[in-house]
Every structure is written in C-alpha cells, then in structure tokens.
N, C-alpha and C. Protein backbone atom coordinates (compact mmCIF):
# COMPACT_ATOMS: atom_id res chain seq x y z
N MET A 1 -25.44 -82.37 -31.10
CA MET A 1 -24.22 -82.68 -30.39
C MET A 1 -23.34 -81.43 -30.34
N HIS A 2 -22.84 -81.14 -29.16
CA HIS A 2 -21.90 -80.04 -28.95
C HIS A 2 -20.67 -80.62 -28.26
N ILE A 3 -19.51 -80.40 -28.88
CA ILE A 3 -18.26 -80.90 -28.32
C ILE A 3 -17.32 -79.72 -28.17
N PHE A 4 -16.73 -79.61 -26.98
CA PHE A 4 -15.80 -78.53 -26.70
C PHE A 4 -14.42 -79.11 -26.40
N ILE A 5 -13.45 -78.67 -27.17
CA ILE A 5 -12.07 -79.10 -26.96
C ILE A 5 -11.32 -77.91 -26.37
N CYS A 6 -10.71 -78.14 -25.23
CA CYS A 6 -10.07 -77.07 -24.49
C CYS A 6 -8.65 -77.49 -24.10
N GLY A 7 -7.81 -76.52 -23.88
CA GLY A 7 -6.43 -76.76 -23.46
C GLY A 7 -5.64 -75.50 -23.77
N PHE A 8 -4.50 -75.36 -23.15
CA PHE A 8 -3.67 -74.20 -23.42
C PHE A 8 -3.12 -74.25 -24.83
N SER A 9 -2.62 -73.12 -25.31
CA SER A 9 -2.06 -73.03 -26.66
C SER A 9 -1.01 -74.11 -26.88
N GLY A 10 -1.09 -74.75 -28.03
CA GLY A 10 -0.14 -75.79 -28.38
C GLY A 10 -0.50 -77.17 -27.88
N SER A 11 -1.67 -77.31 -27.25
CA SER A 11 -2.07 -78.62 -26.74
C SER A 11 -2.67 -79.51 -27.84
N GLY A 12 -3.04 -78.91 -28.97
CA GLY A 12 -3.58 -79.68 -30.08
C GLY A 12 -5.05 -79.48 -30.37
N LYS A 13 -5.65 -78.47 -29.75
CA LYS A 13 -7.10 -78.23 -29.87
C LYS A 13 -7.56 -78.08 -31.32
N SER A 14 -6.97 -77.16 -32.02
CA SER A 14 -7.45 -76.81 -33.36
C SER A 14 -7.27 -77.94 -34.36
N VAL A 15 -6.13 -78.59 -34.31
CA VAL A 15 -5.88 -79.73 -35.21
C VAL A 15 -6.90 -80.83 -34.94
N LEU A 16 -7.15 -81.09 -33.66
CA LEU A 16 -8.11 -82.12 -33.28
C LEU A 16 -9.52 -81.75 -33.72
N VAL A 17 -9.91 -80.50 -33.54
CA VAL A 17 -11.23 -80.05 -33.96
C VAL A 17 -11.43 -80.30 -35.45
N ASN A 18 -10.45 -79.92 -36.26
CA ASN A 18 -10.57 -80.12 -37.71
C ASN A 18 -10.69 -81.60 -38.07
N ALA A 19 -9.86 -82.43 -37.47
CA ALA A 19 -9.88 -83.87 -37.78
C ALA A 19 -11.20 -84.51 -37.38
N LEU A 20 -11.69 -84.17 -36.19
CA LEU A 20 -12.94 -84.79 -35.72
C LEU A 20 -14.17 -84.23 -36.42
N ALA A 21 -14.11 -82.98 -36.82
CA ALA A 21 -15.23 -82.40 -37.59
C ALA A 21 -15.40 -83.17 -38.89
N LYS A 22 -14.29 -83.44 -39.53
CA LYS A 22 -14.32 -84.18 -40.79
C LYS A 22 -14.82 -85.62 -40.57
N LYS A 23 -14.28 -86.26 -39.56
CA LYS A 23 -14.61 -87.66 -39.27
C LYS A 23 -16.07 -87.86 -38.90
N PHE A 24 -16.62 -86.93 -38.11
CA PHE A 24 -17.99 -87.10 -37.61
C PHE A 24 -19.00 -86.17 -38.29
N LYS A 25 -18.57 -85.49 -39.34
CA LYS A 25 -19.44 -84.57 -40.09
C LYS A 25 -20.07 -83.52 -39.17
N LEU A 26 -19.20 -82.85 -38.43
CA LEU A 26 -19.59 -81.78 -37.52
C LEU A 26 -19.09 -80.46 -38.07
N LYS A 27 -19.71 -79.37 -37.64
CA LYS A 27 -19.23 -78.03 -38.00
C LYS A 27 -18.08 -77.67 -37.07
N ALA A 28 -16.94 -77.36 -37.64
CA ALA A 28 -15.77 -76.95 -36.85
C ALA A 28 -15.85 -75.44 -36.62
N ILE A 29 -15.72 -75.04 -35.37
CA ILE A 29 -15.72 -73.62 -35.03
C ILE A 29 -14.46 -73.33 -34.22
N HIS A 30 -13.61 -72.46 -34.77
CA HIS A 30 -12.38 -72.05 -34.10
C HIS A 30 -12.61 -70.69 -33.47
N SER A 31 -12.70 -70.67 -32.16
CA SER A 31 -13.03 -69.43 -31.46
C SER A 31 -11.96 -68.35 -31.65
N SER A 32 -10.71 -68.77 -31.88
CA SER A 32 -9.66 -67.77 -32.08
C SER A 32 -9.89 -66.97 -33.35
N ASP A 33 -10.49 -67.58 -34.38
CA ASP A 33 -10.81 -66.85 -35.61
C ASP A 33 -11.91 -65.83 -35.36
N ILE A 34 -12.87 -66.21 -34.54
CA ILE A 34 -13.94 -65.27 -34.18
C ILE A 34 -13.38 -64.13 -33.33
N LEU A 35 -12.46 -64.47 -32.41
CA LEU A 35 -11.78 -63.44 -31.62
C LEU A 35 -11.03 -62.48 -32.54
N LYS A 36 -10.37 -63.02 -33.54
CA LYS A 36 -9.64 -62.19 -34.50
C LYS A 36 -10.59 -61.22 -35.21
N GLN A 37 -11.75 -61.72 -35.61
CA GLN A 37 -12.73 -60.87 -36.29
C GLN A 37 -13.25 -59.77 -35.35
N ILE A 38 -13.60 -60.16 -34.13
CA ILE A 38 -14.12 -59.19 -33.15
C ILE A 38 -13.06 -58.13 -32.83
N SER A 39 -11.83 -58.57 -32.59
CA SER A 39 -10.78 -57.61 -32.23
C SER A 39 -10.39 -56.72 -33.40
N SER A 40 -10.74 -57.13 -34.63
CA SER A 40 -10.49 -56.31 -35.81
C SER A 40 -11.64 -55.35 -36.09
N GLY A 41 -12.69 -55.41 -35.26
CA GLY A 41 -13.81 -54.48 -35.40
C GLY A 41 -14.96 -54.97 -36.25
N VAL A 42 -14.96 -56.26 -36.62
CA VAL A 42 -16.08 -56.79 -37.40
C VAL A 42 -17.32 -56.82 -36.50
N PRO A 43 -18.43 -56.21 -36.93
CA PRO A 43 -19.67 -56.26 -36.12
C PRO A 43 -20.15 -57.71 -35.98
N THR A 44 -20.74 -58.03 -34.83
CA THR A 44 -21.14 -59.42 -34.59
C THR A 44 -22.13 -59.94 -35.63
N ASN A 45 -22.94 -59.07 -36.20
CA ASN A 45 -23.89 -59.56 -37.22
C ASN A 45 -23.21 -59.85 -38.57
N LYS A 46 -21.92 -59.53 -38.67
CA LYS A 46 -21.16 -59.78 -39.91
C LYS A 46 -20.08 -60.86 -39.72
N ILE A 47 -19.99 -61.42 -38.52
CA ILE A 47 -18.95 -62.39 -38.24
C ILE A 47 -19.22 -63.70 -38.99
N ASN A 48 -18.18 -64.20 -39.63
CA ASN A 48 -18.25 -65.48 -40.30
C ASN A 48 -17.83 -66.55 -39.30
N TYR A 49 -18.78 -67.34 -38.85
CA TYR A 49 -18.44 -68.42 -37.92
C TYR A 49 -18.62 -69.79 -38.57
N LYS A 50 -19.17 -69.83 -39.76
CA LYS A 50 -19.41 -71.12 -40.41
C LYS A 50 -18.19 -71.61 -41.16
N ASP A 51 -17.19 -70.75 -41.33
CA ASP A 51 -15.97 -71.14 -42.04
C ASP A 51 -14.78 -70.49 -41.33
N THR A 52 -14.51 -70.95 -40.12
CA THR A 52 -13.43 -70.36 -39.34
C THR A 52 -12.13 -71.12 -39.59
N ALA A 53 -11.02 -70.44 -39.36
CA ALA A 53 -9.70 -71.02 -39.58
C ALA A 53 -8.95 -71.18 -38.26
N MET A 54 -8.03 -72.12 -38.26
CA MET A 54 -7.17 -72.33 -37.10
C MET A 54 -6.26 -71.13 -36.90
N ASN A 55 -5.84 -70.93 -35.66
CA ASN A 55 -4.83 -69.92 -35.35
C ASN A 55 -3.49 -70.45 -35.87
N GLN A 56 -2.94 -69.76 -36.81
CA GLN A 56 -1.62 -70.14 -37.35
C GLN A 56 -0.57 -69.14 -36.89
N GLY A 57 -0.67 -68.73 -35.64
CA GLY A 57 0.32 -67.82 -35.08
C GLY A 57 -0.07 -66.35 -35.10
N TRP A 58 -1.25 -66.03 -35.62
CA TRP A 58 -1.65 -64.62 -35.68
C TRP A 58 -1.75 -64.00 -34.29
N TYR A 59 -2.26 -64.78 -33.32
CA TYR A 59 -2.47 -64.22 -31.99
C TYR A 59 -1.16 -63.76 -31.37
N GLU A 60 -0.15 -64.61 -31.47
CA GLU A 60 1.14 -64.30 -30.87
C GLU A 60 1.73 -63.03 -31.46
N LYS A 61 1.46 -62.75 -32.72
CA LYS A 61 1.99 -61.57 -33.39
C LYS A 61 1.12 -60.33 -33.17
N SER A 62 -0.09 -60.53 -32.67
CA SER A 62 -1.06 -59.44 -32.60
C SER A 62 -0.90 -58.50 -31.41
N ASN A 63 -0.23 -58.94 -30.35
CA ASN A 63 -0.14 -58.17 -29.11
C ASN A 63 -1.53 -57.90 -28.53
N LEU A 64 -2.43 -58.83 -28.77
CA LEU A 64 -3.82 -58.68 -28.32
C LEU A 64 -3.97 -58.77 -26.81
N ASP A 65 -3.02 -59.43 -26.13
CA ASP A 65 -3.11 -59.50 -24.67
C ASP A 65 -3.20 -58.11 -24.05
N ASN A 66 -2.41 -57.17 -24.56
CA ASN A 66 -2.45 -55.80 -24.02
C ASN A 66 -3.81 -55.17 -24.25
N LYS A 67 -4.36 -55.35 -25.42
CA LYS A 67 -5.68 -54.79 -25.74
C LYS A 67 -6.76 -55.43 -24.88
N ARG A 68 -6.68 -56.76 -24.69
CA ARG A 68 -7.68 -57.47 -23.89
C ARG A 68 -7.57 -57.11 -22.42
N GLN A 69 -6.36 -56.88 -21.95
CA GLN A 69 -6.15 -56.54 -20.55
C GLN A 69 -6.87 -55.24 -20.19
N ASP A 70 -6.86 -54.30 -21.11
CA ASP A 70 -7.49 -53.01 -20.88
C ASP A 70 -8.96 -52.98 -21.28
N ASN A 71 -9.43 -54.05 -21.93
CA ASN A 71 -10.78 -54.04 -22.46
C ASN A 71 -11.40 -55.45 -22.39
N GLU A 72 -12.02 -55.75 -21.27
CA GLU A 72 -12.66 -57.06 -21.08
C GLU A 72 -13.84 -57.25 -22.03
N GLU A 73 -14.31 -56.17 -22.62
CA GLU A 73 -15.46 -56.22 -23.51
C GLU A 73 -15.22 -57.14 -24.71
N ILE A 74 -13.97 -57.22 -25.16
CA ILE A 74 -13.65 -58.09 -26.30
C ILE A 74 -13.99 -59.53 -25.95
N ASP A 75 -13.58 -59.99 -24.77
CA ASP A 75 -13.85 -61.37 -24.36
C ASP A 75 -15.34 -61.60 -24.09
N ILE A 76 -15.97 -60.64 -23.47
CA ILE A 76 -17.40 -60.78 -23.18
C ILE A 76 -18.20 -60.82 -24.47
N LYS A 77 -17.82 -60.00 -25.44
CA LYS A 77 -18.49 -60.01 -26.75
C LYS A 77 -18.28 -61.36 -27.45
N LEU A 78 -17.04 -61.86 -27.39
CA LEU A 78 -16.74 -63.17 -27.98
C LEU A 78 -17.56 -64.26 -27.33
N ASP A 79 -17.57 -64.31 -26.02
CA ASP A 79 -18.26 -65.39 -25.31
C ASP A 79 -19.77 -65.31 -25.47
N THR A 80 -20.32 -64.12 -25.50
CA THR A 80 -21.75 -63.94 -25.76
C THR A 80 -22.09 -64.47 -27.15
N PHE A 81 -21.24 -64.16 -28.12
CA PHE A 81 -21.43 -64.63 -29.49
C PHE A 81 -21.34 -66.16 -29.56
N LEU A 82 -20.35 -66.74 -28.89
CA LEU A 82 -20.19 -68.20 -28.90
C LEU A 82 -21.38 -68.90 -28.25
N LEU A 83 -21.89 -68.33 -27.17
CA LEU A 83 -23.07 -68.93 -26.51
C LEU A 83 -24.28 -68.89 -27.45
N LYS A 84 -24.42 -67.84 -28.23
CA LYS A 84 -25.53 -67.77 -29.21
C LYS A 84 -25.37 -68.85 -30.27
N ILE A 85 -24.14 -69.08 -30.72
CA ILE A 85 -23.89 -70.15 -31.70
C ILE A 85 -24.31 -71.49 -31.11
N ILE A 86 -23.90 -71.74 -29.88
CA ILE A 86 -24.20 -73.01 -29.23
C ILE A 86 -25.71 -73.21 -29.11
N ASN A 87 -26.44 -72.16 -28.80
CA ASN A 87 -27.90 -72.27 -28.67
C ASN A 87 -28.58 -72.40 -30.02
N LYS A 88 -27.94 -71.94 -31.09
CA LYS A 88 -28.53 -71.94 -32.42
C LYS A 88 -28.16 -73.17 -33.25
N GLU A 89 -26.92 -73.58 -33.17
CA GLU A 89 -26.39 -74.63 -34.04
C GLU A 89 -26.39 -76.00 -33.37
N LYS A 90 -26.51 -77.01 -34.20
CA LYS A 90 -26.40 -78.39 -33.74
C LYS A 90 -25.18 -79.01 -34.40
N ASN A 91 -24.70 -80.07 -33.81
CA ASN A 91 -23.59 -80.84 -34.38
C ASN A 91 -22.37 -79.98 -34.66
N ILE A 92 -21.86 -79.37 -33.57
CA ILE A 92 -20.67 -78.54 -33.69
C ILE A 92 -19.56 -79.09 -32.80
N ILE A 93 -18.34 -78.80 -33.22
CA ILE A 93 -17.17 -79.07 -32.40
C ILE A 93 -16.37 -77.78 -32.38
N MET A 94 -16.02 -77.34 -31.19
CA MET A 94 -15.44 -76.00 -31.01
C MET A 94 -14.22 -76.06 -30.11
N ASP A 95 -13.18 -75.31 -30.50
CA ASP A 95 -12.07 -75.12 -29.58
C ASP A 95 -12.31 -73.79 -28.86
N SER A 96 -12.29 -73.85 -27.56
CA SER A 96 -12.58 -72.65 -26.77
C SER A 96 -12.03 -72.83 -25.36
N TRP A 97 -11.51 -71.74 -24.81
CA TRP A 97 -11.07 -71.78 -23.42
C TRP A 97 -12.23 -71.56 -22.47
N THR A 98 -13.24 -70.83 -22.88
CA THR A 98 -14.28 -70.42 -21.95
C THR A 98 -15.57 -71.24 -22.02
N MET A 99 -15.93 -71.71 -23.19
CA MET A 99 -17.24 -72.36 -23.33
C MET A 99 -17.43 -73.58 -22.43
N PRO A 100 -16.40 -74.40 -22.19
CA PRO A 100 -16.63 -75.51 -21.25
C PRO A 100 -17.04 -75.02 -19.86
N TYR A 101 -16.58 -73.84 -19.49
CA TYR A 101 -16.91 -73.27 -18.18
C TYR A 101 -18.25 -72.53 -18.20
N LEU A 102 -18.60 -71.94 -19.33
CA LEU A 102 -19.77 -71.06 -19.40
C LEU A 102 -21.04 -71.75 -19.91
N SER A 103 -20.89 -72.81 -20.68
CA SER A 103 -22.05 -73.50 -21.25
C SER A 103 -22.38 -74.75 -20.45
N LYS A 104 -23.64 -74.99 -20.27
CA LYS A 104 -24.08 -76.21 -19.57
C LYS A 104 -24.13 -77.40 -20.53
N ARG A 105 -24.10 -77.12 -21.82
CA ARG A 105 -24.23 -78.17 -22.83
C ARG A 105 -22.92 -78.85 -23.16
N GLY A 106 -23.06 -80.02 -23.77
CA GLY A 106 -21.97 -80.63 -24.50
C GLY A 106 -20.99 -81.50 -23.76
N LEU A 107 -20.20 -82.16 -24.59
CA LEU A 107 -19.09 -83.00 -24.16
C LEU A 107 -17.87 -82.10 -24.05
N LYS A 108 -17.20 -82.14 -22.92
CA LYS A 108 -16.10 -81.21 -22.65
C LYS A 108 -14.82 -81.99 -22.39
N ILE A 109 -13.81 -81.67 -23.23
CA ILE A 109 -12.55 -82.40 -23.15
C ILE A 109 -11.40 -81.40 -23.00
N TRP A 110 -10.55 -81.65 -21.99
CA TRP A 110 -9.37 -80.82 -21.77
C TRP A 110 -8.16 -81.60 -22.28
N LEU A 111 -7.36 -80.97 -23.12
CA LEU A 111 -6.11 -81.55 -23.60
C LEU A 111 -4.98 -80.99 -22.75
N ARG A 112 -4.28 -81.87 -22.06
CA ARG A 112 -3.19 -81.46 -21.18
C ARG A 112 -1.87 -81.74 -21.87
N ALA A 113 -0.97 -80.79 -21.80
CA ALA A 113 0.39 -80.96 -22.31
C ALA A 113 1.30 -80.02 -21.54
N SER A 114 2.52 -80.45 -21.32
CA SER A 114 3.48 -79.61 -20.59
C SER A 114 3.80 -78.36 -21.41
N VAL A 115 4.26 -77.34 -20.73
CA VAL A 115 4.60 -76.09 -21.41
C VAL A 115 5.77 -76.33 -22.38
N ARG A 116 6.68 -77.22 -22.03
CA ARG A 116 7.81 -77.51 -22.93
C ARG A 116 7.35 -78.21 -24.20
N GLU A 117 6.45 -79.15 -24.05
CA GLU A 117 5.92 -79.86 -25.23
C GLU A 117 5.13 -78.89 -26.11
N ARG A 118 4.33 -78.06 -25.50
CA ARG A 118 3.54 -77.08 -26.26
C ARG A 118 4.46 -76.08 -26.96
N ALA A 119 5.54 -75.69 -26.30
CA ALA A 119 6.50 -74.77 -26.92
C ALA A 119 7.16 -75.41 -28.14
N LYS A 120 7.46 -76.71 -28.06
CA LYS A 120 8.02 -77.41 -29.23
C LYS A 120 7.05 -77.33 -30.40
N ARG A 121 5.79 -77.59 -30.11
CA ARG A 121 4.77 -77.57 -31.17
C ARG A 121 4.59 -76.17 -31.76
N ILE A 122 4.54 -75.17 -30.88
CA ILE A 122 4.37 -73.79 -31.33
C ILE A 122 5.58 -73.34 -32.14
N SER A 123 6.77 -73.74 -31.72
CA SER A 123 7.98 -73.33 -32.46
C SER A 123 7.95 -73.93 -33.87
N LEU A 124 7.49 -75.14 -34.01
CA LEU A 124 7.37 -75.75 -35.34
C LEU A 124 6.27 -75.07 -36.16
N ARG A 125 5.11 -74.86 -35.52
CA ARG A 125 3.97 -74.25 -36.22
C ARG A 125 4.29 -72.84 -36.70
N ASN A 126 4.87 -72.05 -35.82
CA ASN A 126 5.11 -70.64 -36.13
C ASN A 126 6.49 -70.37 -36.71
N LYS A 127 7.29 -71.46 -36.83
CA LYS A 127 8.65 -71.34 -37.36
C LYS A 127 9.47 -70.30 -36.59
N ILE A 128 9.47 -70.50 -35.26
CA ILE A 128 10.25 -69.63 -34.37
C ILE A 128 11.13 -70.51 -33.49
N LYS A 129 12.08 -69.89 -32.81
CA LYS A 129 12.96 -70.64 -31.92
C LYS A 129 12.19 -71.14 -30.71
N PHE A 130 12.64 -72.29 -30.19
CA PHE A 130 11.99 -72.90 -29.03
C PHE A 130 11.93 -71.94 -27.86
N LYS A 131 13.05 -71.26 -27.55
CA LYS A 131 13.09 -70.34 -26.40
C LYS A 131 12.07 -69.21 -26.55
N GLU A 132 11.92 -68.73 -27.77
CA GLU A 132 10.93 -67.67 -28.04
C GLU A 132 9.51 -68.20 -27.82
N ALA A 133 9.26 -69.41 -28.30
CA ALA A 133 7.93 -70.02 -28.12
C ALA A 133 7.65 -70.26 -26.64
N LEU A 134 8.65 -70.76 -25.92
CA LEU A 134 8.48 -71.04 -24.49
C LEU A 134 8.17 -69.75 -23.71
N LYS A 135 8.93 -68.72 -23.98
CA LYS A 135 8.71 -67.42 -23.31
C LYS A 135 7.31 -66.88 -23.62
N SER A 136 6.93 -66.95 -24.88
CA SER A 136 5.61 -66.46 -25.31
C SER A 136 4.48 -67.26 -24.65
N LEU A 137 4.62 -68.59 -24.61
CA LEU A 137 3.59 -69.42 -23.99
C LEU A 137 3.44 -69.15 -22.50
N LYS A 138 4.54 -69.04 -21.81
CA LYS A 138 4.48 -68.77 -20.37
C LYS A 138 3.75 -67.46 -20.10
N LYS A 139 4.07 -66.46 -20.91
CA LYS A 139 3.42 -65.16 -20.76
C LYS A 139 1.92 -65.26 -21.07
N LYS A 140 1.59 -65.94 -22.17
CA LYS A 140 0.19 -66.08 -22.58
C LYS A 140 -0.61 -66.90 -21.56
N ASP A 141 -0.02 -67.99 -21.06
CA ASP A 141 -0.70 -68.81 -20.04
C ASP A 141 -0.99 -67.98 -18.79
N ALA A 142 0.00 -67.24 -18.32
CA ALA A 142 -0.17 -66.43 -17.10
C ALA A 142 -1.25 -65.38 -17.32
N PHE A 143 -1.20 -64.71 -18.47
CA PHE A 143 -2.22 -63.71 -18.77
C PHE A 143 -3.61 -64.34 -18.80
N SER A 144 -3.75 -65.45 -19.51
CA SER A 144 -5.07 -66.10 -19.67
C SER A 144 -5.64 -66.54 -18.33
N LYS A 145 -4.82 -67.14 -17.50
CA LYS A 145 -5.29 -67.59 -16.18
C LYS A 145 -5.82 -66.40 -15.37
N THR A 146 -5.03 -65.34 -15.31
CA THR A 146 -5.41 -64.14 -14.55
C THR A 146 -6.64 -63.47 -15.15
N HIS A 147 -6.65 -63.37 -16.47
CA HIS A 147 -7.72 -62.67 -17.19
C HIS A 147 -9.08 -63.33 -16.97
N PHE A 148 -9.15 -64.65 -17.17
CA PHE A 148 -10.44 -65.33 -17.02
C PHE A 148 -10.87 -65.45 -15.57
N LYS A 149 -9.92 -65.53 -14.66
CA LYS A 149 -10.25 -65.53 -13.23
C LYS A 149 -10.91 -64.19 -12.88
N LYS A 150 -10.35 -63.11 -13.41
CA LYS A 150 -10.87 -61.76 -13.14
C LYS A 150 -12.27 -61.59 -13.75
N ILE A 151 -12.46 -62.02 -15.00
CA ILE A 151 -13.74 -61.81 -15.67
C ILE A 151 -14.83 -62.76 -15.17
N TYR A 152 -14.50 -64.07 -15.09
CA TYR A 152 -15.53 -65.08 -14.84
C TYR A 152 -15.38 -65.83 -13.52
N GLY A 153 -14.21 -65.76 -12.91
CA GLY A 153 -14.03 -66.43 -11.63
C GLY A 153 -13.55 -67.87 -11.72
N PHE A 154 -13.31 -68.40 -12.92
CA PHE A 154 -12.79 -69.78 -12.99
C PHE A 154 -11.28 -69.77 -13.19
N SER A 155 -10.67 -70.87 -12.78
CA SER A 155 -9.22 -71.03 -12.89
C SER A 155 -8.89 -71.90 -14.10
N LEU A 156 -8.61 -71.25 -15.22
CA LEU A 156 -8.31 -71.95 -16.46
C LEU A 156 -7.14 -72.91 -16.27
N GLY A 157 -7.37 -74.17 -16.63
CA GLY A 157 -6.31 -75.17 -16.55
C GLY A 157 -6.07 -75.74 -15.18
N GLN A 158 -6.68 -75.14 -14.17
CA GLN A 158 -6.53 -75.66 -12.81
C GLN A 158 -7.83 -76.31 -12.35
N ASP A 159 -8.94 -75.63 -12.57
CA ASP A 159 -10.25 -76.20 -12.25
C ASP A 159 -10.72 -77.02 -13.46
N LEU A 160 -10.50 -78.31 -13.39
CA LEU A 160 -10.87 -79.20 -14.49
C LEU A 160 -12.15 -79.99 -14.19
N SER A 161 -12.84 -79.61 -13.14
CA SER A 161 -14.05 -80.35 -12.72
C SER A 161 -15.19 -80.25 -13.74
N VAL A 162 -15.18 -79.24 -14.61
CA VAL A 162 -16.25 -79.10 -15.60
C VAL A 162 -16.05 -80.03 -16.80
N PHE A 163 -14.88 -80.66 -16.89
CA PHE A 163 -14.57 -81.49 -18.05
C PHE A 163 -14.97 -82.94 -17.83
N ASP A 164 -15.49 -83.54 -18.90
CA ASP A 164 -15.85 -84.95 -18.88
C ASP A 164 -14.60 -85.83 -18.99
N TYR A 165 -13.61 -85.34 -19.72
CA TYR A 165 -12.36 -86.08 -19.93
C TYR A 165 -11.19 -85.12 -19.93
N VAL A 166 -10.07 -85.60 -19.37
CA VAL A 166 -8.80 -84.89 -19.42
C VAL A 166 -7.81 -85.86 -20.07
N ILE A 167 -7.22 -85.43 -21.18
CA ILE A 167 -6.34 -86.31 -21.94
C ILE A 167 -4.95 -85.68 -22.02
N ASN A 168 -3.95 -86.43 -21.58
CA ASN A 168 -2.58 -85.97 -21.65
C ASN A 168 -2.06 -86.22 -23.07
N THR A 169 -1.66 -85.16 -23.76
CA THR A 169 -1.21 -85.29 -25.15
C THR A 169 0.32 -85.25 -25.28
N ASN A 170 1.03 -85.20 -24.17
CA ASN A 170 2.49 -85.08 -24.20
C ASN A 170 3.17 -86.14 -25.06
N LYS A 171 2.85 -87.38 -24.83
CA LYS A 171 3.55 -88.49 -25.49
C LYS A 171 2.74 -89.10 -26.63
N LYS A 172 1.67 -88.41 -27.03
CA LYS A 172 0.79 -88.95 -28.06
C LYS A 172 0.92 -88.15 -29.35
N THR A 173 0.82 -88.85 -30.47
CA THR A 173 0.72 -88.15 -31.74
C THR A 173 -0.71 -87.63 -31.86
N MET A 174 -0.94 -86.70 -32.78
CA MET A 174 -2.30 -86.20 -32.97
C MET A 174 -3.22 -87.32 -33.46
N LYS A 175 -2.69 -88.26 -34.20
CA LYS A 175 -3.50 -89.41 -34.64
C LYS A 175 -3.94 -90.23 -33.43
N ASP A 176 -3.05 -90.41 -32.46
CA ASP A 176 -3.39 -91.14 -31.23
C ASP A 176 -4.49 -90.41 -30.46
N VAL A 177 -4.34 -89.09 -30.34
CA VAL A 177 -5.33 -88.28 -29.62
C VAL A 177 -6.66 -88.33 -30.36
N GLU A 178 -6.61 -88.21 -31.67
CA GLU A 178 -7.83 -88.29 -32.48
C GLU A 178 -8.55 -89.63 -32.27
N LYS A 179 -7.80 -90.70 -32.20
CA LYS A 179 -8.39 -92.03 -31.99
C LYS A 179 -9.08 -92.12 -30.62
N VAL A 180 -8.38 -91.64 -29.58
CA VAL A 180 -8.93 -91.68 -28.22
C VAL A 180 -10.21 -90.85 -28.13
N VAL A 181 -10.15 -89.62 -28.62
CA VAL A 181 -11.31 -88.74 -28.54
C VAL A 181 -12.42 -89.23 -29.48
N GLY A 182 -12.05 -89.80 -30.61
CA GLY A 182 -13.04 -90.40 -31.52
C GLY A 182 -13.86 -91.47 -30.84
N GLU A 183 -13.21 -92.31 -30.05
CA GLU A 183 -13.91 -93.37 -29.31
C GLU A 183 -14.84 -92.75 -28.25
N ILE A 184 -14.38 -91.70 -27.61
CA ILE A 184 -15.23 -91.01 -26.62
C ILE A 184 -16.48 -90.47 -27.30
N ILE A 185 -16.32 -89.85 -28.46
CA ILE A 185 -17.46 -89.28 -29.19
C ILE A 185 -18.42 -90.38 -29.63
N LYS A 186 -17.91 -91.49 -30.13
CA LYS A 186 -18.78 -92.61 -30.54
C LYS A 186 -19.63 -93.08 -29.38
N ASN A 187 -19.03 -93.18 -28.22
CA ASN A 187 -19.77 -93.63 -27.03
C ASN A 187 -20.69 -92.57 -26.48
N TYR A 188 -20.43 -91.31 -26.80
CA TYR A 188 -21.23 -90.19 -26.31
C TYR A 188 -22.54 -90.04 -27.09
N LYS A 189 -22.49 -90.40 -28.38
CA LYS A 189 -23.66 -90.20 -29.25
C LYS A 189 -24.90 -90.85 -28.73
C-alpha cells in the first residue's frame, strides 16, 4: 500500500501522515526531512528515510526557495530518491507535493485549506505572528506553483485530477480529517 498526502503548507499533511501511520502500521515518510538532508549535502546513499521528522518550521527559516530557484537539481534529486523508495518499500504513507503527480502508484489525497486557515496553523506551529505566517505562505505557495510548473509541467494545487480524494480541512479538526481519511484507507485496502 502506498498513500500520498498532499496539500500546501499548513494543510495538515504531516500531522495526518503520523497519525495514520500509527493507526494502520505504515511507514511514515516526510519528504521535507529528506529535502532537508539533500539540501544539507547528505549523499543519497546516506539519507535516513526510515525515521523522518515533520517540518517544524525549518523550511521557512532556511531560505531554501532561493537555493532551489537557482538549482532545480535539488528537487530532481529529491524526487528521484522518493520514486526509488516507492518502488522499494511497501506499506508507506508519505507527505509530498510531487509524488502524486509523478508516481502511478497509490492512493492520492489532496488536503485543501484556505491560505488564512493555513497561516493560523503555521503561526501556532512556528510561534510567529499571523501576518508573518500569511506573508511567508503566500510567497512559498507562489514559488512552489511556479517552480513545479517549470520543472515538471504540472500546476500544484490547481490540477487536482491526479487525486483520488480532495478533502477540505478548513472547518475540520485533525481528528475529523484523520477519521475521514481513515475510512478511505479502510475501503482502499
């Protein structure tokens, strides 16, 4: 079983991945942790993907958008590595922006949330002001949309045709989202 949870930052991907991995005894893979390792210069044969951690605000502090803008190789290296994991491992659940578009396998779920709701969540998670979180998210969303369109040709967050389910998380608690997606996974097995 391969499950991909996708959505813009603050939509609830990582929290959901951890909860469902535990519930269904799946390996949780956080692609942002692998991105962190790759961007720090860790060789792909040394990357730890079996024990990845959620993004707890490191990306926003890293200024990695500038580095990625000038060097598409970081994303291509990450995505090549993730595709190898998918071909090698079974029973995984992964948060990723690209794998639902690049992999033919798996159950693909997009978590939709407004930029204001996501900014509220990010401001709480990163302990920053709402306005700062909102500004950062808008910038990150715009960069990500342009970046992946340039590299792969898909419209992140706009072309949702590759997803099996699109779930609006605006008015739902994470427990509610976990319950909905849990039922989808039970029926998918």
